[in-house]
């Protein structure tokens, strides 16, 4: 059985996600086999907030080159989570 910490891998903190965090919308990297119901339960359990909506995106691998070496950035699943108004997650506060 998966725990909440197996489902939620890490927060994705970028310039765009920082702007969305002001509107109570947060972005996380999640397990590839996790569904929306599991993600919602995990977020509510870990951060003690109420989730209103979740959108998920499968981010495909992308080519990456460092000097003469070529490879790929790993593929992952991203969850965009919207909370009830007035609630925040402290991991995103700077």
PDB file of N, CA and C in Angstrom:
ATOM      1  N   UNK A   1       0.832  -1.185   0.000  1.00  0.00           N
ATOM      2  CA  UNK A   1       0.000   0.000   0.000  1.00  0.00           C
ATOM      3  C   UNK A   1       0.878   1.251   0.000  1.00  0.00           C
ATOM      4  N   UNK A   2       0.504   2.224  -0.822  1.00  0.00           N
ATOM      5  CA  UNK A   2       1.283   3.442  -0.939  1.00  0.00           C
ATOM      6  C   UNK A   2       0.912   4.423   0.170  1.00  0.00           C
ATOM      7  N   UNK A   3       1.918   5.092   0.704  1.00  0.00           N
ATOM      8  CA  UNK A   3       1.658   6.151   1.672  1.00  0.00           C
ATOM      9  C   UNK A   3       1.504   7.469   0.927  1.00  0.00           C
ATOM     10  N   UNK A   4       1.099   8.487   1.649  1.00  0.00           N
ATOM     11  CA  UNK A   4       0.934   9.814   1.039  1.00  0.00           C
ATOM     12  C   UNK A   4       2.253  10.349   0.511  1.00  0.00           C
ATOM     13  N   UNK A   5       3.345  10.016   1.207  1.00  0.00           N
ATOM     14  CA  UNK A   5       4.657  10.498   0.789  1.00  0.00           C
ATOM     15  C   UNK A   5       5.197   9.732  -0.417  1.00  0.00           C
ATOM     16  N   UNK A   6       4.650   8.552  -0.713  1.00  0.00           N
ATOM     17  CA  UNK A   6       5.004   7.842  -1.942  1.00  0.00           C
ATOM     18  C   UNK A   6       4.288   8.459  -3.140  1.00  0.00           C
ATOM     19  N   UNK A   7       3.112   9.009  -2.914  1.00  0.00           N
ATOM     20  CA  UNK A   7       2.314   9.596  -3.994  1.00  0.00           C
ATOM     21  C   UNK A   7       2.821  10.995  -4.346  1.00  0.00           C
ATOM     22  N   UNK A   8       3.028  11.849  -3.342  1.00  0.00           N
ATOM     23  CA  UNK A   8       3.514  13.211  -3.567  1.00  0.00           C
ATOM     24  C   UNK A   8       5.030  13.189  -3.468  1.00  0.00           C
ATOM     25  N   UNK A   9       5.719  13.406  -4.593  1.00  0.00           N
ATOM     26  CA  UNK A   9       7.184  13.326  -4.603  1.00  0.00           C
ATOM     27  C   UNK A   9       7.832  14.632  -4.176  1.00  0.00           C
ATOM     28  N   UNK A  10       7.426  15.766  -4.789  1.00  0.00           N
ATOM     29  CA  UNK A  10       8.042  17.041  -4.445  1.00  0.00           C
ATOM     30  C   UNK A  10       7.187  18.166  -5.001  1.00  0.00           C
ATOM     31  N   UNK A  11       7.275  19.362  -4.396  1.00  0.00           N
ATOM     32  CA  UNK A  11       6.607  20.520  -4.991  1.00  0.00           C
ATOM     33  C   UNK A  11       7.429  21.034  -6.175  1.00  0.00           C
ATOM     34  N   UNK A  12       6.748  21.535  -7.160  1.00  0.00           N
ATOM     35  CA  UNK A  12       7.417  22.139  -8.310  1.00  0.00           C
ATOM     36  C   UNK A  12       7.363  23.650  -8.109  1.00  0.00           C
ATOM     37  N   UNK A  13       8.520  24.250  -7.851  1.00  0.00           N
ATOM     38  CA  UNK A  13       8.585  25.672  -7.560  1.00  0.00           C
ATOM     39  C   UNK A  13       9.285  26.379  -8.717  1.00  0.00           C
ATOM     40  N   UNK A  14       8.487  27.056  -9.520  1.00  0.00           N
ATOM     41  CA  UNK A  14       8.987  27.824 -10.655  1.00  0.00           C
ATOM     42  C   UNK A  14       8.383  29.224 -10.579  1.00  0.00           C
ATOM     43  N   UNK A  15       8.741  30.067 -11.504  1.00  0.00           N
ATOM     44  CA  UNK A  15       8.187  31.414 -11.527  1.00  0.00           C
ATOM     45  C   UNK A  15       6.672  31.366 -11.755  1.00  0.00           C
ATOM     46  N   UNK A  16       6.239  30.512 -12.659  1.00  0.00           N
ATOM     47  CA  UNK A  16       4.811  30.398 -12.946  1.00  0.00           C
ATOM     48  C   UNK A  16       4.049  29.829 -11.751  1.00  0.00           C
ATOM     49  N   UNK A  17       4.616  28.811 -11.089  1.00  0.00           N
ATOM     50  CA  UNK A  17       3.918  28.225  -9.943  1.00  0.00           C
ATOM     51  C   UNK A  17       3.881  29.190  -8.764  1.00  0.00           C
ATOM     52  N   UNK A  18       4.849  30.074  -8.651  1.00  0.00           N
ATOM     53  CA  UNK A  18       4.835  31.085  -7.593  1.00  0.00           C
ATOM     54  C   UNK A  18       3.705  32.088  -7.811  1.00  0.00           C
ATOM     55  N   UNK A  19       3.450  32.435  -9.052  1.00  0.00           N
ATOM     56  CA  UNK A  19       2.345  33.338  -9.369  1.00  0.00           C
ATOM     57  C   UNK A  19       1.011  32.658  -9.081  1.00  0.00           C
ATOM     58  N   UNK A  20       0.904  31.370  -9.436  1.00  0.00           N
ATOM     59  CA  UNK A  20      -0.327  30.627  -9.172  1.00  0.00           C
ATOM     60  C   UNK A  20      -0.550  30.405  -7.680  1.00  0.00           C
ATOM     61  N   UNK A  21       0.534  30.301  -6.903  1.00  0.00           N
ATOM     62  CA  UNK A  21       0.407  30.066  -5.463  1.00  0.00           C
ATOM     63  C   UNK A  21      -0.308  31.220  -4.776  1.00  0.00           C
ATOM     64  N   UNK A  22      -0.224  32.409  -5.323  1.00  0.00           N
ATOM     65  CA  UNK A  22      -0.949  33.551  -4.773  1.00  0.00           C
ATOM     66  C   UNK A  22      -2.454  33.384  -4.920  1.00  0.00           C
ATOM     67  N   UNK A  23      -2.881  32.543  -5.869  1.00  0.00           N
ATOM     68  CA  UNK A  23      -4.298  32.276  -6.105  1.00  0.00           C
ATOM     69  C   UNK A  23      -4.732  30.941  -5.505  1.00  0.00           C
ATOM     70  N   UNK A  24      -3.937  30.389  -4.595  1.00  0.00           N
ATOM     71  CA  UNK A  24      -4.214  29.108  -3.919  1.00  0.00           C
ATOM     72  C   UNK A  24      -4.207  27.933  -4.899  1.00  0.00           C
ATOM     73  N   UNK A  25      -3.315  27.988  -5.891  1.00  0.00           N
ATOM     74  CA  UNK A  25      -3.120  26.896  -6.841  1.00  0.00           C
ATOM     75  C   UNK A  25      -1.660  26.453  -6.735  1.00  0.00           C
ATOM     76  N   UNK A  26      -1.437  25.152  -6.454  1.00  0.00           N
ATOM     77  CA  UNK A  26      -0.094  24.646  -6.208  1.00  0.00           C
ATOM     78  C   UNK A  26       0.209  23.489  -7.146  1.00  0.00           C
ATOM     79  N   UNK A  27       1.496  23.296  -7.444  1.00  0.00           N
ATOM     80  CA  UNK A  27       1.936  22.286  -8.397  1.00  0.00           C
ATOM     81  C   UNK A  27       2.868  21.297  -7.721  1.00  0.00           C
ATOM     82  N   UNK A  28       2.644  19.995  -7.968  1.00  0.00           N
ATOM     83  CA  UNK A  28       3.452  18.938  -7.373  1.00  0.00           C
ATOM     84  C   UNK A  28       3.830  17.899  -8.421  1.00  0.00           C
ATOM     85  N   UNK A  29       4.996  17.290  -8.230  1.00  0.00           N
ATOM     86  CA  UNK A  29       5.341  16.101  -8.989  1.00  0.00           C
ATOM     87  C   UNK A  29       4.795  14.922  -8.205  1.00  0.00           C
ATOM     88  N   UNK A  30       4.069  14.031  -8.885  1.00  0.00           N
ATOM     89  CA  UNK A  30       3.424  12.908  -8.214  1.00  0.00           C
ATOM     90  C   UNK A  30       3.833  11.596  -8.873  1.00  0.00           C
ATOM     91  N   UNK A  31       3.489  10.483  -8.231  1.00  0.00           N
ATOM     92  CA  UNK A  31       3.780   9.164  -8.781  1.00  0.00           C
ATOM     93  C   UNK A  31       3.021   8.976 -10.086  1.00  0.00           C
ATOM     94  N   UNK A  32       3.638   8.307 -11.045  1.00  0.00           N
ATOM     95  CA  UNK A  32       3.033   8.148 -12.371  1.00  0.00           C
ATOM     96  C   UNK A  32       1.735   7.351 -12.339  1.00  0.00           C
ATOM     97  N   UNK A  33       1.609   6.422 -11.398  1.00  0.00           N
ATOM     98  CA  UNK A  33       0.416   5.579 -11.343  1.00  0.00           C
ATOM     99  C   UNK A  33      -0.655   6.122 -10.398  1.00  0.00           C
ATOM    100  N   UNK A  34      -0.467   7.307  -9.834  1.00  0.00           N
ATOM    101  CA  UNK A  34      -1.431   7.894  -8.906  1.00  0.00           C
ATOM    102  C   UNK A  34      -2.597   8.513  -9.674  1.00  0.00           C
ATOM    103  N   UNK A  35      -3.812   8.357  -9.130  1.00  0.00           N
ATOM    104  CA  UNK A  35      -4.970   8.991  -9.745  1.00  0.00           C
ATOM    105  C   UNK A  35      -5.392  10.202  -8.927  1.00  0.00           C
ATOM    106  N   UNK A  36      -6.406  10.925  -9.387  1.00  0.00           N
ATOM    107  CA  UNK A  36      -6.800  12.175  -8.748  1.00  0.00           C
ATOM    108  C   UNK A  36      -7.304  11.968  -7.326  1.00  0.00           C
ATOM    109  N   UNK A  37      -8.007  10.884  -7.083  1.00  0.00           N
ATOM    110  CA  UNK A  37      -8.535  10.608  -5.745  1.00  0.00           C
ATOM    111  C   UNK A  37      -7.392  10.374  -4.760  1.00  0.00           C
ATOM    112  N   UNK A  38      -6.396   9.601  -5.161  1.00  0.00           N
ATOM    113  CA  UNK A  38      -5.242   9.347  -4.298  1.00  0.00           C
ATOM    114  C   UNK A  38      -4.452  10.632  -4.043  1.00  0.00           C
ATOM    115  N   UNK A  39      -4.287  11.454  -5.074  1.00  0.00           N
ATOM    116  CA  UNK A  39      -3.546  12.704  -4.935  1.00  0.00           C
ATOM    117  C   UNK A  39      -4.272  13.638  -3.973  1.00  0.00           C
ATOM    118  N   UNK A  40      -5.590  13.731  -4.102  1.00  0.00           N
ATOM    119  CA  UNK A  40      -6.379  14.593  -3.218  1.00  0.00           C
ATOM    120  C   UNK A  40      -6.238  14.163  -1.762  1.00  0.00           C
ATOM    121  N   UNK A  41      -6.366  12.871  -1.490  1.00  0.00           N
ATOM    122  CA  UNK A  41      -6.241  12.371  -0.117  1.00  0.00           C
ATOM    123  C   UNK A  41      -4.843  12.635   0.435  1.00  0.00           C
ATOM    124  N   UNK A  42      -3.820  12.457  -0.389  1.00  0.00           N
ATOM    125  CA  UNK A  42      -2.441  12.656   0.055  1.00  0.00           C
ATOM    126  C   UNK A  42      -2.174  14.124   0.387  1.00  0.00           C
ATOM    127  N   UNK A  43      -2.625  15.052  -0.460  1.00  0.00           N
ATOM    128  CA  UNK A  43      -2.421  16.484  -0.217  1.00  0.00           C
ATOM    129  C   UNK A  43      -3.142  16.903   1.063  1.00  0.00           C
ATOM    130  N   UNK A  44      -4.391  16.447   1.219  1.00  0.00           N
ATOM    131  CA  UNK A  44      -5.161  16.824   2.409  1.00  0.00           C
ATOM    132  C   UNK A  44      -4.537  16.255   3.680  1.00  0.00           C
ATOM    133  N   UNK A  45      -3.956  15.057   3.594  1.00  0.00           N
ATOM    134  CA  UNK A  45      -3.340  14.440   4.770  1.00  0.00           C
ATOM    135  C   UNK A  45      -2.009  15.102   5.127  1.00  0.00           C
ATOM    136  N   UNK A  46      -1.168  15.359   4.142  1.00  0.00           N
ATOM    137  CA  UNK A  46       0.166  15.912   4.405  1.00  0.00           C
ATOM    138  C   UNK A  46       0.090  17.373   4.860  1.00  0.00           C
ATOM    139  N   UNK A  47      -0.671  18.197   4.144  1.00  0.00           N
ATOM    140  CA  UNK A  47      -0.663  19.637   4.391  1.00  0.00           C
ATOM    141  C   UNK A  47      -1.861  20.131   5.205  1.00  0.00           C
ATOM    142  N   UNK A  48      -2.814  19.261   5.512  1.00  0.00           N
ATOM    143  CA  UNK A  48      -3.991  19.601   6.306  1.00  0.00           C
ATOM    144  C   UNK A  48      -4.755  20.788   5.710  1.00  0.00           C
ATOM    145  N   UNK A  49      -5.103  20.665   4.437  1.00  0.00           N
ATOM    146  CA  UNK A  49      -5.871  21.677   3.716  1.00  0.00           C
ATOM    147  C   UNK A  49      -7.031  20.980   3.013  1.00  0.00           C
ATOM    148  N   UNK A  50      -7.960  21.758   2.464  1.00  0.00           N
ATOM    149  CA  UNK A  50      -9.099  21.225   1.727  1.00  0.00           C
ATOM    150  C   UNK A  50      -8.892  21.473   0.246  1.00  0.00           C
ATOM    151  N   UNK A  51      -8.858  20.400  -0.556  1.00  0.00           N
ATOM    152  CA  UNK A  51      -8.633  20.486  -2.001  1.00  0.00           C
ATOM    153  C   UNK A  51      -9.971  20.636  -2.712  1.00  0.00           C
ATOM    154  N   UNK A  52     -10.049  21.604  -3.630  1.00  0.00           N
ATOM    155  CA  UNK A  52     -11.265  21.835  -4.400  1.00  0.00           C
ATOM    156  C   UNK A  52     -11.196  21.105  -5.740  1.00  0.00           C
ATOM    157  N   UNK A  53     -10.058  21.209  -6.443  1.00  0.00           N
ATOM    158  CA  UNK A  53      -9.937  20.612  -7.778  1.00  0.00           C
ATOM    159  C   UNK A  53      -8.496  20.194  -8.038  1.00  0.00           C
ATOM    160  N   UNK A  54      -8.357  19.186  -8.908  1.00  0.00           N
ATOM    161  CA  UNK A  54      -7.034  18.701  -9.300  1.00  0.00           C
ATOM    162  C   UNK A  54      -7.019  18.511 -10.811  1.00  0.00           C
ATOM    163  N   UNK A  55      -5.929  18.975 -11.429  1.00  0.00           N
ATOM    164  CA  UNK A  55      -5.677  18.686 -12.840  1.00  0.00           C
ATOM    165  C   UNK A  55      -4.346  17.961 -12.919  1.00  0.00           C
ATOM    166  N   UNK A  56      -4.251  16.944 -13.751  1.00  0.00           N
ATOM    167  CA  UNK A  56      -3.008  16.195 -13.885  1.00  0.00           C
ATOM    168  C   UNK A  56      -2.492  16.285 -15.316  1.00  0.00           C
ATOM    169  N   UNK A  57      -1.159  16.252 -15.441  1.00  0.00           N
ATOM    170  CA  UNK A  57      -0.492  16.350 -16.736  1.00  0.00           C
ATOM    171  C   UNK A  57       0.646  15.341 -16.753  1.00  0.00           C
ATOM    172  N   UNK A  58       0.720  14.521 -17.810  1.00  0.00           N
ATOM    173  CA  UNK A  58       1.872  13.662 -18.007  1.00  0.00           C
ATOM    174  C   UNK A  58       2.896  14.445 -18.823  1.00  0.00           C
ATOM    175  N   UNK A  59       4.006  14.795 -18.196  1.00  0.00           N
ATOM    176  CA  UNK A  59       5.056  15.556 -18.861  1.00  0.00           C
ATOM    177  C   UNK A  59       5.995  14.554 -19.525  1.00  0.00           C
ATOM    178  N   UNK A  60       6.105  14.643 -20.834  1.00  0.00           N
ATOM    179  CA  UNK A  60       6.913  13.696 -21.598  1.00  0.00           C
ATOM    180  C   UNK A  60       8.401  14.009 -21.461  1.00  0.00           C
ATOM    181  N   UNK A  61       9.226  13.011 -21.756  1.00  0.00           N
ATOM    182  CA  UNK A  61      10.670  13.238 -21.686  1.00  0.00           C
ATOM    183  C   UNK A  61      11.091  14.197 -22.796  1.00  0.00           C
ATOM    184  N   UNK A  62      12.155  14.952 -22.515  1.00  0.00           N
ATOM    185  CA  UNK A  62      12.636  15.941 -23.469  1.00  0.00           C
ATOM    186  C   UNK A  62      14.120  15.723 -23.710  1.00  0.00           C
ATOM    187  N   UNK A  63      14.589  15.962 -24.945  1.00  0.00           N
ATOM    188  CA  UNK A  63      16.017  15.793 -25.209  1.00  0.00           C
ATOM    189  C   UNK A  63      16.847  16.840 -24.478  1.00  0.00           C
ATOM    190  N   UNK A  64      17.998  16.434 -24.013  1.00  0.00           N
ATOM    191  CA  UNK A  64      18.911  17.332 -23.308  1.00  0.00           C
ATOM    192  C   UNK A  64      20.318  17.037 -23.796  1.00  0.00           C
ATOM    193  N   UNK A  65      21.103  18.079 -23.987  1.00  0.00           N
ATOM    194  CA  UNK A  65      22.460  17.902 -24.475  1.00  0.00           C
ATOM    195  C   UNK A  65      23.414  18.699 -23.618  1.00  0.00           C
ATOM    196  N   UNK A  66      24.475  18.048 -23.199  1.00  0.00           N
ATOM    197  CA  UNK A  66      25.536  18.713 -22.455  1.00  0.00           C
ATOM    198  C   UNK A  66      26.829  18.467 -23.222  1.00  0.00           C
ATOM    199  N   UNK A  67      27.308  19.502 -23.865  1.00  0.00           N
ATOM    200  CA  UNK A  67      28.477  19.453 -24.720  1.00  0.00           C
ATOM    201  C   UNK A  67      28.275  18.389 -25.793  1.00  0.00           C
ATOM    202  N   UNK A  68      29.064  17.329 -25.823  1.00  0.00           N
ATOM    203  CA  UNK A  68      28.900  16.324 -26.887  1.00  0.00           C
ATOM    204  C   UNK A  68      28.031  15.148 -26.461  1.00  0.00           C
ATOM    205  N   UNK A  69      27.545  15.150 -25.242  1.00  0.00           N
ATOM    206  CA  UNK A  69      26.732  14.043 -24.731  1.00  0.00           C
ATOM    207  C   UNK A  69      25.244  14.370 -24.871  1.00  0.00           C
ATOM    208  N   UNK A  70      24.509  13.413 -25.369  1.00  0.00           N
ATOM    209  CA  UNK A  70      23.080  13.594 -25.558  1.00  0.00           C
ATOM    210  C   UNK A  70      22.323  12.610 -24.692  1.00  0.00           C
ATOM    211  N   UNK A  71      21.170  13.030 -24.232  1.00  0.00           N
ATOM    212  CA  UNK A  71      20.334  12.164 -23.423  1.00  0.00           C
ATOM    213  C   UNK A  71      18.941  12.751 -23.334  1.00  0.00           C
ATOM    214  N   UNK A  72      18.188  12.342 -22.311  1.00  0.00           N
ATOM    215  CA  UNK A  72      16.829  12.814 -22.139  1.00  0.00           C
ATOM    216  C   UNK A  72      16.580  13.195 -20.685  1.00  0.00           C
ATOM    217  N   UNK A  73      15.753  14.215 -20.492  1.00  0.00           N
ATOM    218  CA  UNK A  73      15.237  14.528 -19.161  1.00  0.00           C
ATOM    219  C   UNK A  73      14.117  13.530 -18.887  1.00  0.00           C
ATOM    220  N   UNK A  74      13.976  13.103 -17.667  1.00  0.00           N
ATOM    221  CA  UNK A  74      12.991  12.084 -17.313  1.00  0.00           C
ATOM    222  C   UNK A  74      11.560  12.598 -17.474  1.00  0.00           C
ATOM    223  N   UNK A  75      10.666  11.686 -17.827  1.00  0.00           N
ATOM    224  CA  UNK A  75       9.245  11.989 -17.867  1.00  0.00           C
ATOM    225  C   UNK A  75       8.691  11.877 -16.451  1.00  0.00           C
ATOM    226  N   UNK A  76       7.641  12.655 -16.150  1.00  0.00           N
ATOM    227  CA  UNK A  76       7.024  12.599 -14.840  1.00  0.00           C
ATOM    228  C   UNK A  76       5.566  13.037 -14.947  1.00  0.00           C
ATOM    229  N   UNK A  77       4.827  12.871 -13.858  1.00  0.00           N
ATOM    230  CA  UNK A  77       3.443  13.293 -13.801  1.00  0.00           C
ATOM    231  C   UNK A  77       3.335  14.497 -12.882  1.00  0.00           C
ATOM    232  N   UNK A  78       2.604  15.514 -13.331  1.00  0.00           N
ATOM    233  CA  UNK A  78       2.461  16.758 -12.580  1.00  0.00           C
ATOM    234  C   UNK A  78       0.996  16.925 -12.189  1.00  0.00           C
ATOM    235  N   UNK A  79       0.758  17.338 -10.935  1.00  0.00           N
ATOM    236  CA  UNK A  79      -0.595  17.614 -10.456  1.00  0.00           C
ATOM    237  C   UNK A  79      -0.700  19.097 -10.100  1.00  0.00           C
ATOM    238  N   UNK A  80      -1.737  19.740 -10.614  1.00  0.00           N
ATOM    239  CA  UNK A  80      -2.017  21.138 -10.317  1.00  0.00           C
ATOM    240  C   UNK A  80      -3.238  21.142  -9.400  1.00  0.00           C
ATOM    241  N   UNK A  81      -3.029  21.586  -8.162  1.00  0.00           N
ATOM    242  CA  UNK A  81      -4.028  21.452  -7.106  1.00  0.00           C
ATOM    243  C   UNK A  81      -4.568  22.826  -6.720  1.00  0.00           C
ATOM    244  N   UNK A  82      -5.904  22.961  -6.706  1.00  0.00           N
ATOM    245  CA  UNK A  82      -6.541  24.216  -6.281  1.00  0.00           C
ATOM    246  C   UNK A  82      -7.164  23.994  -4.916  1.00  0.00           C
ATOM    247  N   UNK A  83      -6.871  24.901  -3.974  1.00  0.00           N
ATOM    248  CA  UNK A  83      -7.380  24.810  -2.611  1.00  0.00           C
ATOM    249  C   UNK A  83      -8.563  25.746  -2.420  1.00  0.00           C
ATOM    250  N   UNK A  84      -9.251  25.552  -1.287  1.00  0.00           N
ATOM    251  CA  UNK A  84     -10.326  26.471  -0.940  1.00  0.00           C
ATOM    252  C   UNK A  84      -9.740  27.863  -0.708  1.00  0.00           C
ATOM    253  N   UNK A  85     -10.507  28.919  -0.959  1.00  0.00           N
ATOM    254  CA  UNK A  85     -10.004  30.279  -0.747  1.00  0.00           C
ATOM    255  C   UNK A  85      -9.574  30.491   0.703  1.00  0.00           C
ATOM    256  N   UNK A  86      -8.446  31.167   0.867  1.00  0.00           N
ATOM    257  CA  UNK A  86      -7.942  31.471   2.198  1.00  0.00           C
ATOM    258  C   UNK A  86      -6.964  30.456   2.753  1.00  0.00           C
ATOM    259  N   UNK A  87      -6.816  29.291   2.116  1.00  0.00           N
ATOM    260  CA  UNK A  87      -5.886  28.279   2.600  1.00  0.00           C
ATOM    261  C   UNK A  87      -4.588  28.360   1.814  1.00  0.00           C
ATOM    262  N   UNK A  88      -3.474  28.059   2.496  1.00  0.00           N
ATOM    263  CA  UNK A  88      -2.171  28.093   1.858  1.00  0.00           C
ATOM    264  C   UNK A  88      -1.358  26.875   2.260  1.00  0.00           C
ATOM    265  N   UNK A  89      -0.304  26.608   1.497  1.00  0.00           N
ATOM    266  CA  UNK A  89       0.669  25.565   1.822  1.00  0.00           C
ATOM    267  C   UNK A  89       1.984  26.272   2.083  1.00  0.00           C
ATOM    268  N   UNK A  90       2.565  26.039   3.253  1.00  0.00           N
ATOM    269  CA  UNK A  90       3.758  26.782   3.666  1.00  0.00           C
ATOM    270  C   UNK A  90       5.009  26.412   2.869  1.00  0.00           C
ATOM    271  N   UNK A  91       5.026  25.263   2.208  1.00  0.00           N
ATOM    272  CA  UNK A  91       6.203  24.859   1.428  1.00  0.00           C
ATOM    273  C   UNK A  91       6.446  25.826   0.264  1.00  0.00           C
ATOM    274  N   UNK A  92       5.420  26.530  -0.178  1.00  0.00           N
ATOM    275  CA  UNK A  92       5.556  27.426  -1.321  1.00  0.00           C
ATOM    276  C   UNK A  92       5.835  28.863  -0.909  1.00  0.00           C
ATOM    277  N   UNK A  93       5.752  29.175   0.376  1.00  0.00           N
ATOM    278  CA  UNK A  93       5.993  30.543   0.810  1.00  0.00           C
ATOM    279  C   UNK A  93       7.486  30.815   0.847  1.00  0.00           C
ATOM    280  N   UNK A  94       7.891  31.973   0.358  1.00  0.00           N
ATOM    281  CA  UNK A  94       9.302  32.318   0.317  1.00  0.00           C
ATOM    282  C   UNK A  94       9.611  33.410   1.303  1.00  0.00           C
TER     283      UNK A  94
END
